Amino acid sequence: MDLLRTPDEHFENLTGYAFHPNYVEVPAGDTGTNSEAQQSLRIHYVDEGPRDGSVVLLMHGEPSWSFLYRTMIPPLVEAGHRVIAPDLPGFGRSDKPGAPEDYSYQGHVDWMEAALLGSGSGGLDLQGVTLVCQDWGGLIGLRLLAEHPERFVGCVVANTGLPTGEGTPSDAFLSWQKFSQETPEFDVGVVIAMATTTELSDDVIAGYNAPFPDDSYKAGARIFPSLVPTSPDDPAAPANKAAWDVLRKLDMPFLTAFSDQDPITGGGHKVFQKLIPGAKGQPHTTIVGGGHFLQEDRGPELAKVVADFMVANG
């Protein structure tokens, strides 16, 4: 597996993002030869706030990175929490496998499990976690929650889902999937801007583009939409169905905070509210004025929702 690493200078002087970088290394996986079997993959994460504070885990989606949470991290820290915001492999300051075939849904679950929950090889061994997840942050984060519920104390889902390949994907998602595979130019910053309700400045667009010096760094950004299970025979479908078996019995505080202007996941909050026992009686909210990337559009507002949820269920 060829791993690319974006030079540090690409992350200098980014608008609103002056957080100290932290890294953990996890096994890249057995790629077929003894020498490569021990290869390590470096995962970046933001770690702000008191070490003894309640842990808030902010999981980003595709094709964003922890930059997406830059306006949410300070108010959550101010509320006394330890805030962890990792970059998925292929995104942000994390290493980027260079070939599309290096990416799989299960591979990312395994990498993030080792990085965030693992106690060996430098894993963060997080406990007492409140998960906040959007887009692919939910697809991966909800798997971690379902497979390790003892590590979590609550969850806030925003514009995400846990698909099992059943049902029909929205036209908006199918169009996005087709675009990601066929467009000759995949401009990450422009993609983010197209999925927000606010007009992004050139500096902010540049921040989203920072991890990707050229197209060779974008294998993950391009391939991720095609990894979403859209049929029952998808390789990720059985594991996601098993995760739902756990979630349907989960009596953990569970809040939905979807936005009102997301054509990709609109209405998805109803599934969580109906099926997850811990969602009963929670003050579910709709973030007004937010697009798909509601953290960009209404970050401080979403941060307050998270902070209030943690106080109410602490």
C-alpha atoms as a PDB file:
ATOM      1  CA  MET A   1       0.000   0.000   0.000  1.00  0.00           C
ATOM      2  CA  ASP A   2       1.432   3.365  -1.035  1.00  0.00           C
ATOM      3  CA  LEU A   3       0.671   6.010   1.581  1.00  0.00           C
ATOM      4  CA  LEU A   4       0.731   9.717   0.811  1.00  0.00           C
ATOM      5  CA  ARG A   5       1.268  12.343   3.495  1.00  0.00           C
ATOM      6  CA  THR A   6       0.295  15.955   2.861  1.00  0.00           C
ATOM      7  CA  PRO A   7       3.217  18.279   3.733  1.00  0.00           C
ATOM      8  CA  ASP A   8       2.716  20.215   6.971  1.00  0.00           C
ATOM      9  CA  GLU A   9       3.033  23.584   5.250  1.00  0.00           C
ATOM     10  CA  HIS A  10      -0.333  23.008   3.569  1.00  0.00           C
ATOM     11  CA  PHE A  11      -1.986  23.361   6.984  1.00  0.00           C
ATOM     12  CA  GLU A  12      -0.352  26.608   8.031  1.00  0.00           C
ATOM     13  CA  ASN A  13      -2.458  29.732   8.610  1.00  0.00           C
ATOM     14  CA  LEU A  14      -5.808  28.113   7.893  1.00  0.00           C
ATOM     15  CA  THR A  15      -8.825  30.245   8.753  1.00  0.00           C
ATOM     16  CA  GLY A  16     -10.059  29.409  12.263  1.00  0.00           C
ATOM     17  CA  TYR A  17      -7.984  26.252  12.510  1.00  0.00           C
ATOM     18  CA  ALA A  18      -4.955  26.706  14.757  1.00  0.00           C
ATOM     19  CA  PHE A  19      -5.265  23.471  16.719  1.00  0.00           C
ATOM     20  CA  HIS A  20      -2.166  21.516  17.684  1.00  0.00           C
ATOM     21  CA  PRO A  21      -1.794  18.340  15.587  1.00  0.00           C
ATOM     22  CA  ASN A  22      -1.752  14.937  17.307  1.00  0.00           C
ATOM     23  CA  TYR A  23      -1.097  11.564  15.728  1.00  0.00           C
ATOM     24  CA  VAL A  24      -1.606   7.876  16.390  1.00  0.00           C
ATOM     25  CA  GLU A  25      -0.274   5.053  14.239  1.00  0.00           C
ATOM     26  CA  VAL A  26      -2.306   1.933  13.474  1.00  0.00           C
ATOM     27  CA  PRO A  27      -1.517  -1.146  11.385  1.00  0.00           C
ATOM     28  CA  ALA A  28      -2.291  -0.469   7.748  1.00  0.00           C
ATOM     29  CA  GLY A  29      -3.328  -4.081   7.277  1.00  0.00           C
ATOM     30  CA  ASP A  30      -1.922  -7.148   5.600  1.00  0.00           C
ATOM     31  CA  THR A  31      -1.410  -6.255   1.951  1.00  0.00           C
ATOM     32  CA  GLY A  32       0.014  -9.602   0.960  1.00  0.00           C
ATOM     33  CA  THR A  33       3.724  -9.482   1.731  1.00  0.00           C
ATOM     34  CA  ASN A  34       5.588  -9.876   4.996  1.00  0.00           C
ATOM     35  CA  SER A  35       7.332  -6.523   4.657  1.00  0.00           C
ATOM     36  CA  GLU A  36       4.123  -4.617   4.067  1.00  0.00           C
ATOM     37  CA  ALA A  37       2.147  -6.505   6.704  1.00  0.00           C
ATOM     38  CA  GLN A  38       3.768  -4.358   9.418  1.00  0.00           C
ATOM     39  CA  GLN A  39       3.183  -1.078   7.608  1.00  0.00           C
ATOM     40  CA  SER A  40       1.718   1.665   9.789  1.00  0.00           C
ATOM     41  CA  LEU A  41      -0.836   4.284   8.870  1.00  0.00           C
ATOM     42  CA  ARG A  42      -0.705   7.634  10.679  1.00  0.00           C
ATOM     43  CA  ILE A  43      -4.018   9.116  11.781  1.00  0.00           C
ATOM     44  CA  HIS A  44      -4.319  12.743  12.838  1.00  0.00           C
ATOM     45  CA  TYR A  45      -6.667  14.040  15.496  1.00  0.00           C
ATOM     46  CA  VAL A  46      -7.431  17.290  17.269  1.00  0.00           C
ATOM     47  CA  ASP A  47      -7.363  16.899  21.064  1.00  0.00           C
ATOM     48  CA  GLU A  48      -8.477  20.048  22.876  1.00  0.00           C
ATOM     49  CA  GLY A  49      -9.742  20.729  26.381  1.00  0.00           C
ATOM     50  CA  PRO A  50      -9.014  19.209  29.805  1.00  0.00           C
ATOM     51  CA  ARG A  51      -7.718  15.636  29.838  1.00  0.00           C
ATOM     52  CA  ASP A  52     -10.214  14.780  32.576  1.00  0.00           C
ATOM     53  CA  GLY A  53     -13.162  16.365  30.801  1.00  0.00           C
ATOM     54  CA  SER A  54     -16.053  14.369  29.372  1.00  0.00           C
ATOM     55  CA  VAL A  55     -15.029  13.162  25.927  1.00  0.00           C
ATOM     56  CA  VAL A  56     -16.812  14.503  22.853  1.00  0.00           C
ATOM     57  CA  LEU A  57     -15.862  12.640  19.671  1.00  0.00           C
ATOM     58  CA  LEU A  58     -16.536  14.653  16.498  1.00  0.00           C
ATOM     59  CA  MET A  59     -16.588  12.408  13.424  1.00  0.00           C
ATOM     60  CA  HIS A  60     -16.487  14.094  10.012  1.00  0.00           C
ATOM     61  CA  GLY A  61     -17.694  12.809   6.670  1.00  0.00           C
ATOM     62  CA  GLU A  62     -16.784  12.886   3.002  1.00  0.00           C
ATOM     63  CA  PRO A  63     -14.920  14.789   1.544  1.00  0.00           C
ATOM     64  CA  SER A  64     -14.362  17.036   4.569  1.00  0.00           C
ATOM     65  CA  TRP A  65     -11.951  16.742   7.499  1.00  0.00           C
ATOM     66  CA  SER A  66     -11.686  18.034  11.077  1.00  0.00           C
ATOM     67  CA  PHE A  67     -11.548  21.584   9.657  1.00  0.00           C
ATOM     68  CA  LEU A  68     -15.335  21.182   9.425  1.00  0.00           C
ATOM     69  CA  TYR A  69     -15.582  21.323  13.222  1.00  0.00           C
ATOM     70  CA  ARG A  70     -13.390  24.375  13.765  1.00  0.00           C
ATOM     71  CA  THR A  71     -16.263  26.575  15.041  1.00  0.00           C
ATOM     72  CA  MET A  72     -17.645  23.818  17.292  1.00  0.00           C
ATOM     73  CA  ILE A  73     -14.450  22.837  19.102  1.00  0.00           C
ATOM     74  CA  PRO A  74     -13.900  26.099  21.078  1.00  0.00           C
ATOM     75  CA  PRO A  75     -17.410  26.306  22.635  1.00  0.00           C
ATOM     76  CA  LEU A  76     -17.323  22.614  23.570  1.00  0.00           C
ATOM     77  CA  VAL A  77     -13.936  23.123  25.210  1.00  0.00           C
ATOM     78  CA  GLU A  78     -15.294  26.193  26.985  1.00  0.00           C
ATOM     79  CA  ALA A  79     -18.085  23.981  28.351  1.00  0.00           C
ATOM     80  CA  GLY A  80     -15.383  21.849  30.002  1.00  0.00           C
ATOM     81  CA  HIS A  81     -15.179  18.943  27.600  1.00  0.00           C
ATOM     82  CA  ARG A  82     -12.255  17.108  26.068  1.00  0.00           C
ATOM     83  CA  VAL A  83     -12.872  17.325  22.330  1.00  0.00           C
ATOM     84  CA  ILE A  84     -11.434  14.731  19.950  1.00  0.00           C
ATOM     85  CA  ALA A  85     -11.814  15.368  16.208  1.00  0.00           C
ATOM     86  CA  PRO A  86      -9.983  12.789  14.066  1.00  0.00           C
ATOM     87  CA  ASP A  87      -9.286  12.871  10.349  1.00  0.00           C
ATOM     88  CA  LEU A  88     -10.318   9.701   8.563  1.00  0.00           C
ATOM     89  CA  PRO A  89      -7.520   8.027   6.591  1.00  0.00           C
ATOM     90  CA  GLY A  90      -7.522   9.609   3.152  1.00  0.00           C
ATOM     91  CA  PHE A  91      -8.559  13.000   4.540  1.00  0.00           C
ATOM     92  CA  GLY A  92      -7.123  15.946   6.449  1.00  0.00           C
ATOM     93  CA  ARG A  93      -3.712  15.457   8.014  1.00  0.00           C
ATOM     94  CA  SER A  94      -4.084  11.677   8.139  1.00  0.00           C
ATOM     95  CA  ASP A  95      -2.158   9.432   5.756  1.00  0.00           C
ATOM     96  CA  LYS A  96      -3.832   8.844   2.421  1.00  0.00           C
ATOM     97  CA  PRO A  97      -3.721   5.408   0.770  1.00  0.00           C
ATOM     98  CA  GLY A  98      -2.928   6.132  -2.841  1.00  0.00           C
ATOM     99  CA  ALA A  99      -5.089   3.572  -4.679  1.00  0.00           C
ATOM    100  CA  PRO A 100      -8.897   3.320  -4.731  1.00  0.00           C
ATOM    101  CA  GLU A 101      -8.708  -0.396  -3.967  1.00  0.00           C
ATOM    102  CA  ASP A 102      -6.996   0.417  -0.652  1.00  0.00           C
ATOM    103  CA  TYR A 103     -10.297   1.792   0.637  1.00  0.00           C
ATOM    104  CA  SER A 104     -13.159  -0.211   2.089  1.00  0.00           C
ATOM    105  CA  TYR A 105     -15.912   0.473   4.575  1.00  0.00           C
ATOM    106  CA  GLN A 106     -14.693  -2.268   6.910  1.00  0.00           C
ATOM    107  CA  GLY A 107     -11.102  -1.088   6.601  1.00  0.00           C
ATOM    108  CA  HIS A 108     -12.040   2.367   7.857  1.00  0.00           C
ATOM    109  CA  VAL A 109     -14.039   0.945  10.758  1.00  0.00           C
ATOM    110  CA  ASP A 110     -11.010  -1.165  11.711  1.00  0.00           C
ATOM    111  CA  TRP A 111      -8.565   1.756  11.413  1.00  0.00           C
ATOM    112  CA  MET A 112     -10.707   4.097  13.498  1.00  0.00           C
ATOM    113  CA  GLU A 113     -11.431   1.411  16.077  1.00  0.00           C
ATOM    114  CA  ALA A 114      -7.681   0.879  16.525  1.00  0.00           C
ATOM    115  CA  ALA A 115      -6.961   4.608  16.660  1.00  0.00           C
ATOM    116  CA  LEU A 116      -9.769   5.740  18.961  1.00  0.00           C
ATOM    117  CA  LEU A 117     -10.640   2.733  21.112  1.00  0.00           C
ATOM    118  CA  GLY A 118      -7.492   0.609  20.978  1.00  0.00           C
ATOM    119  CA  SER A 119      -5.325   0.478  24.085  1.00  0.00           C
ATOM    120  CA  GLY A 120      -2.251  -0.969  22.404  1.00  0.00           C
ATOM    121  CA  SER A 121       0.110   0.523  19.815  1.00  0.00           C
ATOM    122  CA  GLY A 122      -0.670   4.042  20.969  1.00  0.00           C
ATOM    123  CA  GLY A 123      -4.465   3.899  20.572  1.00  0.00           C
ATOM    124  CA  LEU A 124      -6.396   6.578  22.471  1.00  0.00           C
ATOM    125  CA  ASP A 125      -8.419   4.037  24.499  1.00  0.00           C
ATOM    126  CA  LEU A 126     -11.332   6.493  24.773  1.00  0.00           C
ATOM    127  CA  GLN A 127     -13.956   5.879  27.455  1.00  0.00           C
ATOM    128  CA  GLY A 128     -17.193   7.629  28.399  1.00  0.00           C
ATOM    129  CA  VAL A 129     -17.582   9.031  24.883  1.00  0.00           C
ATOM    130  CA  THR A 130     -20.377  11.194  23.531  1.00  0.00           C
ATOM    131  CA  LEU A 131     -20.358  10.626  19.777  1.00  0.00           C
ATOM    132  CA  VAL A 132     -21.258  13.455  17.386  1.00  0.00           C
ATOM    133  CA  CYS A 133     -21.371  12.261  13.808  1.00  0.00           C
ATOM    134  CA  GLN A 134     -22.376  13.481  10.364  1.00  0.00           C
ATOM    135  CA  ASP A 135     -22.237  11.935   6.881  1.00  0.00           C
ATOM    136  CA  TRP A 136     -19.575   9.162   6.823  1.00  0.00           C
ATOM    137  CA  GLY A 137     -18.814  10.071  10.411  1.00  0.00           C
ATOM    138  CA  GLY A 138     -22.094   8.319  11.193  1.00  0.00           C
ATOM    139  CA  LEU A 139     -21.498   5.352   8.933  1.00  0.00           C
ATOM    140  CA  ILE A 140     -18.242   4.685  10.757  1.00  0.00           C
ATOM    141  CA  GLY A 141     -19.006   6.142  14.190  1.00  0.00           C
ATOM    142  CA  LEU A 142     -22.286   4.265  14.630  1.00  0.00           C
ATOM    143  CA  ARG A 143     -20.505   1.023  13.833  1.00  0.00           C
ATOM    144  CA  LEU A 144     -17.990   1.767  16.587  1.00  0.00           C
ATOM    145  CA  LEU A 145     -20.813   2.571  18.998  1.00  0.00           C
ATOM    146  CA  ALA A 146     -22.750  -0.597  18.159  1.00  0.00           C
ATOM    147  CA  GLU A 147     -19.673  -2.817  18.407  1.00  0.00           C
ATOM    148  CA  HIS A 148     -18.374  -1.169  21.614  1.00  0.00           C
ATOM    149  CA  PRO A 149     -21.402   0.332  23.401  1.00  0.00           C
ATOM    150  CA  GLU A 150     -19.596   0.142  26.748  1.00  0.00           C
ATOM    151  CA  ARG A 151     -17.241   2.914  25.563  1.00  0.00           C
ATOM    152  CA  PHE A 152     -20.049   5.406  24.877  1.00  0.00           C
ATOM    153  CA  VAL A 153     -22.470   7.355  27.042  1.00  0.00           C
ATOM    154  CA  GLY A 154     -24.449   9.224  24.393  1.00  0.00           C
ATOM    155  CA  CYS A 155     -24.797  10.042  20.712  1.00  0.00           C
ATOM    156  CA  VAL A 156     -25.857  12.993  18.579  1.00  0.00           C
ATOM    157  CA  VAL A 157     -26.514  12.186  14.920  1.00  0.00           C
ATOM    158  CA  ALA A 158     -26.682  14.920  12.290  1.00  0.00           C
ATOM    159  CA  ASN A 159     -27.331  14.396   8.571  1.00  0.00           C
ATOM    160  CA  THR A 160     -26.222  10.794   8.514  1.00  0.00           C
ATOM    161  CA  GLY A 161     -27.465   7.215   8.470  1.00  0.00           C
ATOM    162  CA  LEU A 162     -26.431   3.593   8.746  1.00  0.00           C
ATOM    163  CA  PRO A 163     -27.501   2.041   5.428  1.00  0.00           C
ATOM    164  CA  THR A 164     -27.931  -1.694   5.005  1.00  0.00           C
ATOM    165  CA  GLY A 165     -28.478  -1.673   1.234  1.00  0.00           C
ATOM    166  CA  GLU A 166     -32.236  -2.040   1.550  1.00  0.00           C
ATOM    167  CA  GLY A 167     -34.586   0.561   0.160  1.00  0.00           C
ATOM    168  CA  THR A 168     -33.916   3.042  -2.610  1.00  0.00           C
ATOM    169  CA  PRO A 169     -31.256   5.743  -2.250  1.00  0.00           C
ATOM    170  CA  SER A 170     -32.362   9.308  -2.860  1.00  0.00           C
ATOM    171  CA  ASP A 171     -31.923  10.803  -6.302  1.00  0.00           C
ATOM    172  CA  ALA A 172     -29.641  13.410  -4.754  1.00  0.00           C
ATOM    173  CA  PHE A 173     -27.331  10.730  -3.392  1.00  0.00           C
ATOM    174  CA  LEU A 174     -27.274   8.771  -6.641  1.00  0.00           C
ATOM    175  CA  SER A 175     -26.383  11.957  -8.531  1.00  0.00           C
ATOM    176  CA  TRP A 176     -23.573  12.663  -6.054  1.00  0.00           C
ATOM    177  CA  GLN A 177     -22.297   9.101  -6.378  1.00  0.00           C
ATOM    178  CA  LYS A 178     -22.263   9.371 -10.173  1.00  0.00           C
ATOM    179  CA  PHE A 179     -20.558  12.773 -10.052  1.00  0.00           C
ATOM    180  CA  SER A 180     -17.805  11.548  -7.732  1.00  0.00           C
ATOM    181  CA  GLN A 181     -16.860   8.740 -10.069  1.00  0.00           C
ATOM    182  CA  GLU A 182     -17.148  10.553 -13.379  1.00  0.00           C
ATOM    183  CA  THR A 183     -16.148  14.189 -12.934  1.00  0.00           C
ATOM    184  CA  PRO A 184     -12.732  14.903 -14.460  1.00  0.00           C
ATOM    185  CA  GLU A 185     -11.993  17.505 -11.778  1.00  0.00           C
ATOM    186  CA  PHE A 186     -12.838  16.784  -8.141  1.00  0.00           C
ATOM    187  CA  ASP A 187     -12.481  20.102  -6.326  1.00  0.00           C
ATOM    188  CA  VAL A 188     -13.103  19.274  -2.670  1.00  0.00           C
ATOM    189  CA  GLY A 189     -13.626  22.869  -1.551  1.00  0.00           C
ATOM    190  CA  VAL A 190     -16.191  23.472  -4.268  1.00  0.00           C
ATOM    191  CA  VAL A 191     -17.976  20.220  -3.363  1.00  0.00           C
ATOM    192  CA  ILE A 192     -18.291  21.401   0.238  1.00  0.00           C
ATOM    193  CA  ALA A 193     -19.490  24.832  -0.896  1.00  0.00           C
ATOM    194  CA  MET A 194     -22.190  23.223  -3.046  1.00  0.00           C
ATOM    195  CA  ALA A 195     -23.567  21.434   0.030  1.00  0.00           C
ATOM    196  CA  THR A 196     -23.808  24.443   2.358  1.00  0.00           C
ATOM    197  CA  THR A 197     -26.423  27.169   2.620  1.00  0.00           C
ATOM    198  CA  THR A 198     -23.873  29.893   3.335  1.00  0.00           C
ATOM    199  CA  GLU A 199     -21.469  31.323   0.795  1.00  0.00           C
ATOM    200  CA  LEU A 200     -17.974  30.185   1.705  1.00  0.00           C
ATOM    201  CA  SER A 201     -15.050  32.564   1.482  1.00  0.00           C
ATOM    202  CA  ASP A 202     -12.037  31.730  -0.647  1.00  0.00           C
ATOM    203  CA  ASP A 203     -10.046  31.169   2.561  1.00  0.00           C
ATOM    204  CA  VAL A 204     -12.525  28.589   3.835  1.00  0.00           C
ATOM    205  CA  ILE A 205     -12.635  26.783   0.482  1.00  0.00           C
ATOM    206  CA  ALA A 206      -8.841  26.747   0.545  1.00  0.00           C
ATOM    207  CA  GLY A 207      -8.994  25.165   3.999  1.00  0.00           C
ATOM    208  CA  TYR A 208     -11.059  22.270   2.680  1.00  0.00           C
ATOM    209  CA  ASN A 209      -8.651  21.871  -0.239  1.00  0.00           C
ATOM    210  CA  ALA A 210      -5.533  22.006   1.946  1.00  0.00           C
ATOM    211  CA  PRO A 211      -5.152  18.232   2.431  1.00  0.00           C
ATOM    212  CA  PHE A 212      -5.140  17.580  -1.323  1.00  0.00           C
ATOM    213  CA  PRO A 213      -2.124  19.084  -3.131  1.00  0.00           C
ATOM    214  CA  ASP A 214      -3.103  17.283  -6.340  1.00  0.00           C
ATOM    215  CA  ASP A 215      -5.395  14.532  -7.600  1.00  0.00           C
ATOM    216  CA  SER A 216      -3.088  11.755  -6.426  1.00  0.00           C
ATOM    217  CA  TYR A 217      -4.183  12.553  -2.855  1.00  0.00           C
ATOM    218  CA  LYS A 218      -7.906  12.253  -3.652  1.00  0.00           C
ATOM    219  CA  ALA A 219      -8.358   8.489  -4.029  1.00  0.00           C
ATOM    220  CA  GLY A 220     -10.380   8.338  -0.816  1.00  0.00           C
ATOM    221  CA  ALA A 221     -12.399  11.443  -1.573  1.00  0.00           C
ATOM    222  CA  ARG A 222     -13.406  10.009  -4.929  1.00  0.00           C
ATOM    223  CA  ILE A 223     -14.097   6.415  -3.870  1.00  0.00           C
ATOM    224  CA  PHE A 224     -16.029   6.972  -0.630  1.00  0.00           C
ATOM    225  CA  PRO A 225     -19.458   7.625  -2.218  1.00  0.00           C
ATOM    226  CA  SER A 226     -19.272   4.264  -3.998  1.00  0.00           C
ATOM    227  CA  LEU A 227     -18.592   2.490  -0.678  1.00  0.00           C
ATOM    228  CA  VAL A 228     -22.005   3.410   0.750  1.00  0.00           C
ATOM    229  CA  PRO A 229     -24.137   0.237   0.776  1.00  0.00           C
ATOM    230  CA  THR A 230     -26.886   0.628  -1.809  1.00  0.00           C
ATOM    231  CA  SER A 231     -27.829  -3.038  -2.302  1.00  0.00           C
ATOM    232  CA  PRO A 232     -28.360  -5.981   0.094  1.00  0.00           C
ATOM    233  CA  ASP A 233     -25.378  -7.846  -1.365  1.00  0.00           C
ATOM    234  CA  ASP A 234     -22.947  -5.034  -0.553  1.00  0.00           C
ATOM    235  CA  PRO A 235     -20.011  -6.406   1.480  1.00  0.00           C
ATOM    236  CA  ALA A 236     -20.773  -3.960   4.311  1.00  0.00           C
ATOM    237  CA  ALA A 237     -24.471  -4.841   4.552  1.00  0.00           C
ATOM    238  CA  PRO A 238     -24.186  -7.764   7.031  1.00  0.00           C
ATOM    239  CA  ALA A 239     -22.063  -5.793   9.501  1.00  0.00           C
ATOM    240  CA  ASN A 240     -24.415  -2.805   9.314  1.00  0.00           C
ATOM    241  CA  LYS A 241     -27.433  -5.054   9.874  1.00  0.00           C
ATOM    242  CA  ALA A 242     -25.680  -6.514  12.918  1.00  0.00           C
ATOM    243  CA  ALA A 243     -25.040  -2.977  14.152  1.00  0.00           C
ATOM    244  CA  TRP A 244     -28.727  -2.152  13.800  1.00  0.00           C
ATOM    245  CA  ASP A 245     -29.559  -5.235  15.884  1.00  0.00           C
ATOM    246  CA  VAL A 246     -27.603  -3.600  18.705  1.00  0.00           C
ATOM    247  CA  LEU A 247     -28.936  -0.082  18.113  1.00  0.00           C
ATOM    248  CA  ARG A 248     -32.533  -1.310  18.255  1.00  0.00           C
ATOM    249  CA  LYS A 249     -31.899  -2.362  21.862  1.00  0.00           C
ATOM    250  CA  LEU A 250     -29.757   0.631  22.810  1.00  0.00           C
ATOM    251  CA  ASP A 251     -31.141   2.512  25.799  1.00  0.00           C
ATOM    252  CA  MET A 252     -28.393   5.147  25.683  1.00  0.00           C
ATOM    253  CA  PRO A 253     -29.258   8.863  25.352  1.00  0.00           C
ATOM    254  CA  PHE A 254     -29.573   9.403  21.608  1.00  0.00           C
ATOM    255  CA  LEU A 255     -30.380  12.721  19.948  1.00  0.00           C
ATOM    256  CA  THR A 256     -31.110  13.681  16.349  1.00  0.00           C
ATOM    257  CA  ALA A 257     -30.029  17.132  15.143  1.00  0.00           C
ATOM    258  CA  PHE A 258     -30.538  17.068  11.388  1.00  0.00           C
ATOM    259  CA  SER A 259     -30.683  20.258   9.341  1.00  0.00           C
ATOM    260  CA  ASP A 260     -33.676  21.466   7.396  1.00  0.00           C
ATOM    261  CA  GLN A 261     -31.983  21.887   3.993  1.00  0.00           C
ATOM    262  CA  ASP A 262     -30.166  18.642   3.241  1.00  0.00           C
ATOM    263  CA  PRO A 263     -31.432  16.773   0.158  1.00  0.00           C
ATOM    264  CA  ILE A 264     -29.109  13.828   0.868  1.00  0.00           C
ATOM    265  CA  THR A 265     -30.308  12.740   4.323  1.00  0.00           C
ATOM    266  CA  GLY A 266     -33.545  14.679   4.751  1.00  0.00           C
ATOM    267  CA  GLY A 267     -36.035  12.685   6.821  1.00  0.00           C
ATOM    268  CA  GLY A 268     -33.390  10.273   8.071  1.00  0.00           C
ATOM    269  CA  HIS A 269     -33.897  11.428  11.651  1.00  0.00           C
ATOM    270  CA  LYS A 270     -37.239   9.626  11.749  1.00  0.00           C
ATOM    271  CA  VAL A 271     -35.579   6.217  11.494  1.00  0.00           C
ATOM    272  CA  PHE A 272     -33.341   6.842  14.508  1.00  0.00           C
ATOM    273  CA  GLN A 273     -36.180   8.294  16.580  1.00  0.00           C
ATOM    274  CA  LYS A 274     -38.425   5.338  15.796  1.00  0.00           C
ATOM    275  CA  LEU A 275     -35.987   2.467  16.202  1.00  0.00           C
ATOM    276  CA  ILE A 276     -33.569   3.423  18.991  1.00  0.00           C
ATOM    277  CA  PRO A 277     -34.955   3.172  22.546  1.00  0.00           C
ATOM    278  CA  GLY A 278     -32.555   5.799  23.869  1.00  0.00           C
ATOM    279  CA  ALA A 279     -34.069   8.380  21.513  1.00  0.00           C
ATOM    280  CA  LYS A 280     -37.384   8.313  23.368  1.00  0.00           C
ATOM    281  CA  GLY A 281     -38.068  11.508  25.265  1.00  0.00           C
ATOM    282  CA  GLN A 282     -35.000  13.356  23.967  1.00  0.00           C
ATOM    283  CA  PRO A 283     -35.394  16.965  22.752  1.00  0.00           C
ATOM    284  CA  HIS A 284     -34.734  16.193  19.102  1.00  0.00           C
ATOM    285  CA  THR A 285     -34.095  19.322  17.107  1.00  0.00           C
ATOM    286  CA  THR A 286     -33.948  20.586  13.561  1.00  0.00           C
ATOM    287  CA  ILE A 287     -31.084  22.957  12.787  1.00  0.00           C
ATOM    288  CA  VAL A 288     -32.748  25.680  10.725  1.00  0.00           C
ATOM    289  CA  GLY A 289     -30.695  27.150   7.905  1.00  0.00           C
ATOM    290  CA  GLY A 290     -28.230  24.302   7.614  1.00  0.00           C
ATOM    291  CA  GLY A 291     -27.283  22.401   4.489  1.00  0.00           C
ATOM    292  CA  HIS A 292     -25.670  18.974   4.350  1.00  0.00           C
ATOM    293  CA  PHE A 293     -22.559  20.294   6.090  1.00  0.00           C
ATOM    294  CA  LEU A 294     -24.497  21.938   8.902  1.00  0.00           C
ATOM    295  CA  GLN A 295     -21.310  22.272  10.984  1.00  0.00           C
ATOM    296  CA  GLU A 296     -20.140  24.820   8.423  1.00  0.00           C
ATOM    297  CA  ASP A 297     -23.483  26.612   8.273  1.00  0.00           C
ATOM    298  CA  ARG A 298     -24.541  26.471  11.933  1.00  0.00           C
ATOM    299  CA  GLY A 299     -21.526  25.196  13.893  1.00  0.00           C
ATOM    300  CA  PRO A 300     -21.917  27.151  17.154  1.00  0.00           C
ATOM    301  CA  GLU A 301     -25.634  26.336  17.233  1.00  0.00           C
ATOM    302  CA  LEU A 302     -24.944  22.618  16.836  1.00  0.00           C
ATOM    303  CA  ALA A 303     -22.222  22.832  19.499  1.00  0.00           C
ATOM    304  CA  LYS A 304     -24.769  24.284  21.946  1.00  0.00           C
ATOM    305  CA  VAL A 305     -27.187  21.458  21.146  1.00  0.00           C
ATOM    306  CA  VAL A 306     -24.420  18.959  21.958  1.00  0.00           C
ATOM    307  CA  ALA A 307     -23.395  20.744  25.163  1.00  0.00           C
ATOM    308  CA  ASP A 308     -26.988  21.004  26.396  1.00  0.00           C
ATOM    309  CA  PHE A 309     -27.557  17.315  25.588  1.00  0.00           C
ATOM    310  CA  MET A 310     -24.519  16.351  27.667  1.00  0.00           C
ATOM    311  CA  VAL A 311     -25.682  18.453  30.628  1.00  0.00           C
ATOM    312  CA  ALA A 312     -29.191  16.966  30.469  1.00  0.00           C
ATOM    313  CA  ASN A 313     -27.875  13.418  30.349  1.00  0.00           C
ATOM    314  CA  GLY A 314     -24.756  13.796  32.502  1.00  0.00           C
END
